[in-house]
């Protein structure tokens, strides 16, 4: 939200960067972050991507798909309230 008019470009470039690394799956939340998934996909990466419109959708997906031993990085601006995801996942442990 803080990036203004360069937001799409910056998110897309993050996706392109991630595509070069060994990552199994990337989940994005919100319109701007969907550009991360697009950057990954357009670089023809083998990374699976899922884009959700809100935290609740992402939480539901994660609760149903995470397995023991999976590593998760949750990153987002404060305005996206990604701390909700962390709290929900910690309650599942």
PDB file of N, CA and C in Angstrom:
ATOM      1  N   UNK A   1       0.817  -1.193   0.000  1.00  0.00           N
ATOM      2  CA  UNK A   1       0.000   0.000   0.000  1.00  0.00           C
ATOM      3  C   UNK A   1       0.866   1.264   0.000  1.00  0.00           C
ATOM      4  N   UNK A   2       2.054   1.144   0.543  1.00  0.00           N
ATOM      5  CA  UNK A   2       2.920   2.298   0.682  1.00  0.00           C
ATOM      6  C   UNK A   2       3.671   2.635  -0.595  1.00  0.00           C
ATOM      7  N   UNK A   3       3.631   1.776  -1.590  1.00  0.00           N
ATOM      8  CA  UNK A   3       4.440   1.963  -2.790  1.00  0.00           C
ATOM      9  C   UNK A   3       3.799   2.870  -3.835  1.00  0.00           C
ATOM     10  N   UNK A   4       2.524   3.153  -3.680  1.00  0.00           N
ATOM     11  CA  UNK A   4       1.856   4.054  -4.610  1.00  0.00           C
ATOM     12  C   UNK A   4       1.835   3.534  -6.034  1.00  0.00           C
ATOM     13  N   UNK A   5       2.134   4.422  -6.983  1.00  0.00           N
ATOM     14  CA  UNK A   5       2.002   4.079  -8.398  1.00  0.00           C
ATOM     15  C   UNK A   5       3.023   3.055  -8.895  1.00  0.00           C
ATOM     16  N   UNK A   6       4.087   2.805  -8.144  1.00  0.00           N
ATOM     17  CA  UNK A   6       5.068   1.801  -8.568  1.00  0.00           C
ATOM     18  C   UNK A   6       4.798   0.432  -7.934  1.00  0.00           C
ATOM     19  N   UNK A   7       3.694   0.306  -7.235  1.00  0.00           N
ATOM     20  CA  UNK A   7       3.382  -0.918  -6.503  1.00  0.00           C
ATOM     21  C   UNK A   7       3.357  -2.153  -7.392  1.00  0.00           C
ATOM     22  N   UNK A   8       2.618  -2.101  -8.498  1.00  0.00           N
ATOM     23  CA  UNK A   8       2.503  -3.275  -9.371  1.00  0.00           C
ATOM     24  C   UNK A   8       3.879  -3.708  -9.852  1.00  0.00           C
ATOM     25  N   UNK A   9       4.661  -2.762 -10.351  1.00  0.00           N
ATOM     26  CA  UNK A   9       5.989  -3.054 -10.883  1.00  0.00           C
ATOM     27  C   UNK A   9       6.876  -3.686  -9.815  1.00  0.00           C
ATOM     28  N   UNK A  10       6.858  -3.136  -8.616  1.00  0.00           N
ATOM     29  CA  UNK A  10       7.692  -3.666  -7.532  1.00  0.00           C
ATOM     30  C   UNK A  10       7.265  -5.080  -7.141  1.00  0.00           C
ATOM     31  N   UNK A  11       5.978  -5.317  -7.018  1.00  0.00           N
ATOM     32  CA  UNK A  11       5.487  -6.649  -6.676  1.00  0.00           C
ATOM     33  C   UNK A  11       5.829  -7.651  -7.774  1.00  0.00           C
ATOM     34  N   UNK A  12       5.656  -7.239  -9.026  1.00  0.00           N
ATOM     35  CA  UNK A  12       5.975  -8.111 -10.161  1.00  0.00           C
ATOM     36  C   UNK A  12       7.454  -8.493 -10.123  1.00  0.00           C
ATOM     37  N   UNK A  13       8.323  -7.537  -9.863  1.00  0.00           N
ATOM     38  CA  UNK A  13       9.763  -7.799  -9.814  1.00  0.00           C
ATOM     39  C   UNK A  13      10.124  -8.746  -8.670  1.00  0.00           C
ATOM     40  N   UNK A  14       9.412  -8.675  -7.564  1.00  0.00           N
ATOM     41  CA  UNK A  14       9.626  -9.630  -6.476  1.00  0.00           C
ATOM     42  C   UNK A  14       9.311 -11.044  -6.977  1.00  0.00           C
ATOM     43  N   UNK A  15       8.237 -11.181  -7.724  1.00  0.00           N
ATOM     44  CA  UNK A  15       7.886 -12.483  -8.293  1.00  0.00           C
ATOM     45  C   UNK A  15       8.953 -13.005  -9.228  1.00  0.00           C
ATOM     46  N   UNK A  16       9.470 -12.141 -10.079  1.00  0.00           N
ATOM     47  CA  UNK A  16      10.549 -12.553 -10.983  1.00  0.00           C
ATOM     48  C   UNK A  16      11.775 -13.010 -10.193  1.00  0.00           C
ATOM     49  N   UNK A  17      12.083 -12.318  -9.126  1.00  0.00           N
ATOM     50  CA  UNK A  17      13.228 -12.660  -8.282  1.00  0.00           C
ATOM     51  C   UNK A  17      13.023 -14.022  -7.615  1.00  0.00           C
ATOM     52  N   UNK A  18      11.848 -14.222  -7.039  1.00  0.00           N
ATOM     53  CA  UNK A  18      11.534 -15.475  -6.352  1.00  0.00           C
ATOM     54  C   UNK A  18      11.611 -16.661  -7.315  1.00  0.00           C
ATOM     55  N   UNK A  19      11.225 -16.447  -8.564  1.00  0.00           N
ATOM     56  CA  UNK A  19      11.168 -17.531  -9.551  1.00  0.00           C
ATOM     57  C   UNK A  19      12.511 -18.221  -9.752  1.00  0.00           C
ATOM     58  N   UNK A  20      13.593 -17.562  -9.412  1.00  0.00           N
ATOM     59  CA  UNK A  20      14.930 -18.137  -9.593  1.00  0.00           C
ATOM     60  C   UNK A  20      15.391 -18.991  -8.412  1.00  0.00           C
ATOM     61  N   UNK A  21      14.546 -19.154  -7.410  1.00  0.00           N
ATOM     62  CA  UNK A  21      14.949 -19.875  -6.198  1.00  0.00           C
ATOM     63  C   UNK A  21      14.116 -21.134  -5.997  1.00  0.00           C
ATOM     64  N   UNK A  22      14.619 -22.003  -5.126  1.00  0.00           N
ATOM     65  CA  UNK A  22      13.917 -23.245  -4.828  1.00  0.00           C
ATOM     66  C   UNK A  22      12.834 -22.972  -3.787  1.00  0.00           C
ATOM     67  N   UNK A  23      11.692 -22.687  -4.285  1.00  0.00           N
ATOM     68  CA  UNK A  23      10.507 -22.440  -3.475  1.00  0.00           C
ATOM     69  C   UNK A  23       9.413 -23.317  -4.067  1.00  0.00           C
ATOM     70  N   UNK A  24       8.676 -24.004  -3.230  1.00  0.00           N
ATOM     71  CA  UNK A  24       7.626 -24.888  -3.742  1.00  0.00           C
ATOM     72  C   UNK A  24       6.351 -24.149  -4.109  1.00  0.00           C
ATOM     73  N   UNK A  25       5.985 -23.185  -3.270  1.00  0.00           N
ATOM     74  CA  UNK A  25       4.675 -22.558  -3.447  1.00  0.00           C
ATOM     75  C   UNK A  25       4.703 -21.136  -2.906  1.00  0.00           C
ATOM     76  N   UNK A  26       3.991 -20.246  -3.584  1.00  0.00           N
ATOM     77  CA  UNK A  26       3.843 -18.866  -3.131  1.00  0.00           C
ATOM     78  C   UNK A  26       2.357 -18.541  -3.112  1.00  0.00           C
ATOM     79  N   UNK A  27       1.938 -17.972  -2.000  1.00  0.00           N
ATOM     80  CA  UNK A  27       0.546 -17.565  -1.825  1.00  0.00           C
ATOM     81  C   UNK A  27       0.522 -16.056  -1.665  1.00  0.00           C
ATOM     82  N   UNK A  28      -0.301 -15.395  -2.446  1.00  0.00           N
ATOM     83  CA  UNK A  28      -0.415 -13.949  -2.332  1.00  0.00           C
ATOM     84  C   UNK A  28      -1.831 -13.577  -1.899  1.00  0.00           C
ATOM     85  N   UNK A  29      -1.919 -12.419  -1.292  1.00  0.00           N
ATOM     86  CA  UNK A  29      -3.215 -11.933  -0.824  1.00  0.00           C
ATOM     87  C   UNK A  29      -3.382 -10.496  -1.287  1.00  0.00           C
ATOM     88  N   UNK A  30      -4.465 -10.250  -1.970  1.00  0.00           N
ATOM     89  CA  UNK A  30      -4.769  -8.898  -2.421  1.00  0.00           C
ATOM     90  C   UNK A  30      -4.370  -8.639  -3.860  1.00  0.00           C
ATOM     91  N   UNK A  31      -4.933  -7.579  -4.403  1.00  0.00           N
ATOM     92  CA  UNK A  31      -4.755  -7.222  -5.809  1.00  0.00           C
ATOM     93  C   UNK A  31      -3.297  -6.912  -6.136  1.00  0.00           C
ATOM     94  N   UNK A  32      -2.657  -6.105  -5.330  1.00  0.00           N
ATOM     95  CA  UNK A  32      -1.279  -5.712  -5.620  1.00  0.00           C
ATOM     96  C   UNK A  32      -0.336  -6.908  -5.550  1.00  0.00           C
ATOM     97  N   UNK A  33      -0.482  -7.741  -4.533  1.00  0.00           N
ATOM     98  CA  UNK A  33       0.414  -8.888  -4.358  1.00  0.00           C
ATOM     99  C   UNK A  33       0.207  -9.948  -5.438  1.00  0.00           C
ATOM    100  N   UNK A  34      -0.944  -9.943  -6.092  1.00  0.00           N
ATOM    101  CA  UNK A  34      -1.175 -10.897  -7.183  1.00  0.00           C
ATOM    102  C   UNK A  34      -0.136 -10.713  -8.286  1.00  0.00           C
ATOM    103  N   UNK A  35       0.456  -9.527  -8.368  1.00  0.00           N
ATOM    104  CA  UNK A  35       1.508  -9.280  -9.362  1.00  0.00           C
ATOM    105  C   UNK A  35       2.749 -10.118  -9.061  1.00  0.00           C
ATOM    106  N   UNK A  36       2.953 -10.495  -7.801  1.00  0.00           N
ATOM    107  CA  UNK A  36       4.064 -11.385  -7.453  1.00  0.00           C
ATOM    108  C   UNK A  36       3.854 -12.729  -8.145  1.00  0.00           C
ATOM    109  N   UNK A  37       2.654 -13.268  -8.020  1.00  0.00           N
ATOM    110  CA  UNK A  37       2.337 -14.547  -8.672  1.00  0.00           C
ATOM    111  C   UNK A  37       2.493 -14.436 -10.184  1.00  0.00           C
ATOM    112  N   UNK A  38       2.070 -13.329 -10.745  1.00  0.00           N
ATOM    113  CA  UNK A  38       2.186 -13.144 -12.189  1.00  0.00           C
ATOM    114  C   UNK A  38       3.652 -13.115 -12.615  1.00  0.00           C
ATOM    115  N   UNK A  39       4.499 -12.437 -11.839  1.00  0.00           N
ATOM    116  CA  UNK A  39       5.924 -12.402 -12.140  1.00  0.00           C
ATOM    117  C   UNK A  39       6.544 -13.786 -12.118  1.00  0.00           C
ATOM    118  N   UNK A  40       6.126 -14.605 -11.161  1.00  0.00           N
ATOM    119  CA  UNK A  40       6.611 -15.992 -11.067  1.00  0.00           C
ATOM    120  C   UNK A  40       6.149 -16.791 -12.278  1.00  0.00           C
ATOM    121  N   UNK A  41       4.859 -16.700 -12.588  1.00  0.00           N
ATOM    122  CA  UNK A  41       4.284 -17.479 -13.687  1.00  0.00           C
ATOM    123  C   UNK A  41       4.878 -17.094 -15.031  1.00  0.00           C
ATOM    124  N   UNK A  42       5.063 -15.821 -15.264  1.00  0.00           N
ATOM    125  CA  UNK A  42       5.561 -15.372 -16.563  1.00  0.00           C
ATOM    126  C   UNK A  42       7.044 -15.667 -16.756  1.00  0.00           C
ATOM    127  N   UNK A  43       7.741 -15.983 -15.689  1.00  0.00           N
ATOM    128  CA  UNK A  43       9.135 -16.395 -15.800  1.00  0.00           C
ATOM    129  C   UNK A  43       9.219 -17.912 -16.011  1.00  0.00           C
ATOM    130  N   UNK A  44       8.077 -18.534 -16.169  1.00  0.00           N
ATOM    131  CA  UNK A  44       7.975 -19.976 -16.424  1.00  0.00           C
ATOM    132  C   UNK A  44       8.659 -20.797 -15.343  1.00  0.00           C
ATOM    133  N   UNK A  45       8.378 -20.439 -14.134  1.00  0.00           N
ATOM    134  CA  UNK A  45       8.916 -21.136 -12.971  1.00  0.00           C
ATOM    135  C   UNK A  45       8.052 -22.353 -12.647  1.00  0.00           C
ATOM    136  N   UNK A  46       8.623 -23.306 -11.937  1.00  0.00           N
ATOM    137  CA  UNK A  46       7.871 -24.482 -11.485  1.00  0.00           C
ATOM    138  C   UNK A  46       7.194 -24.243 -10.143  1.00  0.00           C
ATOM    139  N   UNK A  47       7.255 -23.021  -9.652  1.00  0.00           N
ATOM    140  CA  UNK A  47       6.644 -22.691  -8.366  1.00  0.00           C
ATOM    141  C   UNK A  47       5.126 -22.620  -8.529  1.00  0.00           C
ATOM    142  N   UNK A  48       4.412 -23.312  -7.647  1.00  0.00           N
ATOM    143  CA  UNK A  48       2.954 -23.248  -7.626  1.00  0.00           C
ATOM    144  C   UNK A  48       2.548 -21.926  -6.989  1.00  0.00           C
ATOM    145  N   UNK A  49       1.589 -21.236  -7.582  1.00  0.00           N
ATOM    146  CA  UNK A  49       1.114 -19.973  -7.020  1.00  0.00           C
ATOM    147  C   UNK A  49      -0.393 -20.034  -6.779  1.00  0.00           C
ATOM    148  N   UNK A  50      -0.808 -19.369  -5.721  1.00  0.00           N
ATOM    149  CA  UNK A  50      -2.226 -19.195  -5.406  1.00  0.00           C
ATOM    150  C   UNK A  50      -2.409 -17.748  -4.979  1.00  0.00           C
ATOM    151  N   UNK A  51      -3.409 -17.097  -5.517  1.00  0.00           N
ATOM    152  CA  UNK A  51      -3.705 -15.716  -5.138  1.00  0.00           C
ATOM    153  C   UNK A  51      -5.091 -15.659  -4.519  1.00  0.00           C
ATOM    154  N   UNK A  52      -5.149 -15.042  -3.352  1.00  0.00           N
ATOM    155  CA  UNK A  52      -6.417 -14.909  -2.628  1.00  0.00           C
ATOM    156  C   UNK A  52      -6.748 -13.434  -2.464  1.00  0.00           C
ATOM    157  N   UNK A  53      -8.022 -13.137  -2.286  1.00  0.00           N
ATOM    158  CA  UNK A  53      -8.439 -11.747  -2.145  1.00  0.00           C
ATOM    159  C   UNK A  53      -8.371 -11.257  -0.706  1.00  0.00           C
ATOM    160  N   UNK A  54      -8.383 -12.192   0.259  1.00  0.00           N
ATOM    161  CA  UNK A  54      -8.351 -11.755   1.657  1.00  0.00           C
ATOM    162  C   UNK A  54      -7.667 -12.793   2.544  1.00  0.00           C
ATOM    163  N   UNK A  55      -7.385 -12.394   3.763  1.00  0.00           N
ATOM    164  CA  UNK A  55      -6.689 -13.264   4.719  1.00  0.00           C
ATOM    165  C   UNK A  55      -7.474 -14.525   5.038  1.00  0.00           C
ATOM    166  N   UNK A  56      -8.784 -14.407   5.143  1.00  0.00           N
ATOM    167  CA  UNK A  56      -9.602 -15.557   5.513  1.00  0.00           C
ATOM    168  C   UNK A  56      -9.478 -16.681   4.483  1.00  0.00           C
ATOM    169  N   UNK A  57      -9.477 -16.321   3.208  1.00  0.00           N
ATOM    170  CA  UNK A  57      -9.313 -17.333   2.159  1.00  0.00           C
ATOM    171  C   UNK A  57      -7.946 -18.007   2.276  1.00  0.00           C
ATOM    172  N   UNK A  58      -6.915 -17.201   2.500  1.00  0.00           N
ATOM    173  CA  UNK A  58      -5.560 -17.748   2.622  1.00  0.00           C
ATOM    174  C   UNK A  58      -5.445 -18.642   3.847  1.00  0.00           C
ATOM    175  N   UNK A  59      -6.039 -18.230   4.962  1.00  0.00           N
ATOM    176  CA  UNK A  59      -6.004 -19.036   6.182  1.00  0.00           C
ATOM    177  C   UNK A  59      -6.671 -20.387   5.930  1.00  0.00           C
ATOM    178  N   UNK A  60      -7.815 -20.388   5.292  1.00  0.00           N
ATOM    179  CA  UNK A  60      -8.509 -21.641   4.992  1.00  0.00           C
ATOM    180  C   UNK A  60      -7.650 -22.556   4.143  1.00  0.00           C
ATOM    181  N   UNK A  61      -7.012 -21.992   3.125  1.00  0.00           N
ATOM    182  CA  UNK A  61      -6.144 -22.798   2.270  1.00  0.00           C
ATOM    183  C   UNK A  61      -4.977 -23.372   3.071  1.00  0.00           C
ATOM    184  N   UNK A  62      -4.318 -22.541   3.845  1.00  0.00           N
ATOM    185  CA  UNK A  62      -3.159 -22.984   4.625  1.00  0.00           C
ATOM    186  C   UNK A  62      -3.548 -24.041   5.647  1.00  0.00           C
ATOM    187  N   UNK A  63      -4.642 -23.824   6.347  1.00  0.00           N
ATOM    188  CA  UNK A  63      -5.071 -24.801   7.355  1.00  0.00           C
ATOM    189  C   UNK A  63      -5.334 -26.167   6.736  1.00  0.00           C
ATOM    190  N   UNK A  64      -5.779 -26.180   5.497  1.00  0.00           N
ATOM    191  CA  UNK A  64      -6.092 -27.444   4.831  1.00  0.00           C
ATOM    192  C   UNK A  64      -4.914 -28.058   4.079  1.00  0.00           C
ATOM    193  N   UNK A  65      -3.841 -27.292   3.890  1.00  0.00           N
ATOM    194  CA  UNK A  65      -2.762 -27.790   3.032  1.00  0.00           C
ATOM    195  C   UNK A  65      -1.386 -27.853   3.677  1.00  0.00           C
ATOM    196  N   UNK A  66      -1.161 -27.161   4.776  1.00  0.00           N
ATOM    197  CA  UNK A  66       0.151 -27.241   5.422  1.00  0.00           C
ATOM    198  C   UNK A  66       0.351 -28.604   6.054  1.00  0.00           C
ATOM    199  N   UNK A  67       1.588 -29.086   5.970  1.00  0.00           N
ATOM    200  CA  UNK A  67       1.939 -30.366   6.571  1.00  0.00           C
ATOM    201  C   UNK A  67       3.082 -30.147   7.551  1.00  0.00           C
ATOM    202  N   UNK A  68       3.255 -31.085   8.459  1.00  0.00           N
ATOM    203  CA  UNK A  68       4.371 -31.027   9.402  1.00  0.00           C
ATOM    204  C   UNK A  68       5.668 -30.893   8.615  1.00  0.00           C
ATOM    205  N   UNK A  69       6.525 -29.992   9.033  1.00  0.00           N
ATOM    206  CA  UNK A  69       7.808 -29.786   8.378  1.00  0.00           C
ATOM    207  C   UNK A  69       7.807 -28.701   7.320  1.00  0.00           C
ATOM    208  N   UNK A  70       6.637 -28.197   6.949  1.00  0.00           N
ATOM    209  CA  UNK A  70       6.575 -27.113   5.970  1.00  0.00           C
ATOM    210  C   UNK A  70       7.094 -25.824   6.595  1.00  0.00           C
ATOM    211  N   UNK A  71       7.821 -25.057   5.829  1.00  0.00           N
ATOM    212  CA  UNK A  71       8.281 -23.741   6.261  1.00  0.00           C
ATOM    213  C   UNK A  71       7.387 -22.685   5.647  1.00  0.00           C
ATOM    214  N   UNK A  72       7.075 -21.659   6.421  1.00  0.00           N
ATOM    215  CA  UNK A  72       6.170 -20.615   5.948  1.00  0.00           C
ATOM    216  C   UNK A  72       6.778 -19.252   6.269  1.00  0.00           C
ATOM    217  N   UNK A  73       6.826 -18.379   5.279  1.00  0.00           N
ATOM    218  CA  UNK A  73       7.220 -16.991   5.475  1.00  0.00           C
ATOM    219  C   UNK A  73       5.985 -16.159   5.206  1.00  0.00           C
ATOM    220  N   UNK A  74       5.600 -15.353   6.167  1.00  0.00           N
ATOM    221  CA  UNK A  74       4.445 -14.478   5.985  1.00  0.00           C
ATOM    222  C   UNK A  74       4.963 -13.047   6.007  1.00  0.00           C
ATOM    223  N   UNK A  75       4.746 -12.350   4.899  1.00  0.00           N
ATOM    224  CA  UNK A  75       5.230 -10.986   4.747  1.00  0.00           C
ATOM    225  C   UNK A  75       4.117 -10.132   4.171  1.00  0.00           C
ATOM    226  N   UNK A  76       3.910  -8.988   4.754  1.00  0.00           N
ATOM    227  CA  UNK A  76       2.912  -8.069   4.228  1.00  0.00           C
ATOM    228  C   UNK A  76       2.964  -6.757   4.955  1.00  0.00           C
ATOM    229  N   UNK A  77       2.388  -5.744   4.363  1.00  0.00           N
ATOM    230  CA  UNK A  77       2.339  -4.445   5.027  1.00  0.00           C
ATOM    231  C   UNK A  77       1.352  -4.524   6.194  1.00  0.00           C
ATOM    232  N   UNK A  78       1.541  -3.655   7.141  1.00  0.00           N
ATOM    233  CA  UNK A  78       0.647  -3.627   8.312  1.00  0.00           C
ATOM    234  C   UNK A  78      -0.806  -3.444   7.872  1.00  0.00           C
ATOM    235  N   UNK A  79      -1.020  -2.713   6.808  1.00  0.00           N
ATOM    236  CA  UNK A  79      -2.388  -2.471   6.356  1.00  0.00           C
ATOM    237  C   UNK A  79      -3.072  -3.739   5.859  1.00  0.00           C
ATOM    238  N   UNK A  80      -2.284  -4.762   5.530  1.00  0.00           N
ATOM    239  CA  UNK A  80      -2.863  -6.037   5.084  1.00  0.00           C
ATOM    240  C   UNK A  80      -3.195  -6.955   6.261  1.00  0.00           C
ATOM    241  N   UNK A  81      -2.784  -6.585   7.458  1.00  0.00           N
ATOM    242  CA  UNK A  81      -3.097  -7.328   8.682  1.00  0.00           C
ATOM    243  C   UNK A  81      -2.684  -8.807   8.591  1.00  0.00           C
ATOM    244  N   UNK A  82      -1.519  -9.074   8.046  1.00  0.00           N
ATOM    245  CA  UNK A  82      -1.069 -10.463   7.906  1.00  0.00           C
ATOM    246  C   UNK A  82      -0.799 -11.125   9.251  1.00  0.00           C
ATOM    247  N   UNK A  83      -0.740 -10.329  10.312  1.00  0.00           N
ATOM    248  CA  UNK A  83      -0.606 -10.916  11.644  1.00  0.00           C
ATOM    249  C   UNK A  83      -1.799 -11.824  11.953  1.00  0.00           C
ATOM    250  N   UNK A  84      -2.943 -11.584  11.315  1.00  0.00           N
ATOM    251  CA  UNK A  84      -4.119 -12.449  11.488  1.00  0.00           C
ATOM    252  C   UNK A  84      -3.802 -13.876  11.035  1.00  0.00           C
ATOM    253  N   UNK A  85      -3.021 -13.994   9.977  1.00  0.00           N
ATOM    254  CA  UNK A  85      -2.662 -15.305   9.452  1.00  0.00           C
ATOM    255  C   UNK A  85      -1.761 -16.028  10.442  1.00  0.00           C
ATOM    256  N   UNK A  86      -0.782 -15.315  10.949  1.00  0.00           N
ATOM    257  CA  UNK A  86       0.140 -15.904  11.935  1.00  0.00           C
ATOM    258  C   UNK A  86      -0.643 -16.399  13.144  1.00  0.00           C
ATOM    259  N   UNK A  87      -1.523 -15.580  13.668  1.00  0.00           N
ATOM    260  CA  UNK A  87      -2.319 -15.961  14.846  1.00  0.00           C
ATOM    261  C   UNK A  87      -3.176 -17.185  14.556  1.00  0.00           C
ATOM    262  N   UNK A  88      -3.803 -17.217  13.394  1.00  0.00           N
ATOM    263  CA  UNK A  88      -4.653 -18.362  13.052  1.00  0.00           C
ATOM    264  C   UNK A  88      -3.837 -19.630  12.954  1.00  0.00           C
ATOM    265  N   UNK A  89      -2.659 -19.568  12.333  1.00  0.00           N
ATOM    266  CA  UNK A  89      -1.828 -20.757  12.191  1.00  0.00           C
ATOM    267  C   UNK A  89      -1.275 -21.215  13.531  1.00  0.00           C
ATOM    268  N   UNK A  90      -0.905 -20.282  14.377  1.00  0.00           N
ATOM    269  CA  UNK A  90      -0.388 -20.657  15.702  1.00  0.00           C
ATOM    270  C   UNK A  90      -1.461 -21.330  16.541  1.00  0.00           C
ATOM    271  N   UNK A  91      -2.700 -20.950  16.349  1.00  0.00           N
ATOM    272  CA  UNK A  91      -3.796 -21.576  17.071  1.00  0.00           C
ATOM    273  C   UNK A  91      -4.037 -23.008  16.612  1.00  0.00           C
ATOM    274  N   UNK A  92      -3.545 -23.362  15.422  1.00  0.00           N
ATOM    275  CA  UNK A  92      -3.715 -24.708  14.875  1.00  0.00           C
ATOM    276  C   UNK A  92      -2.654 -25.670  15.387  1.00  0.00           C
ATOM    277  N   UNK A  93      -1.580 -25.127  15.913  1.00  0.00           N
ATOM    278  CA  UNK A  93      -0.462 -25.991  16.363  1.00  0.00           C
ATOM    279  C   UNK A  93      -0.814 -26.678  17.661  1.00  0.00           C
TER     280      UNK A  93
END
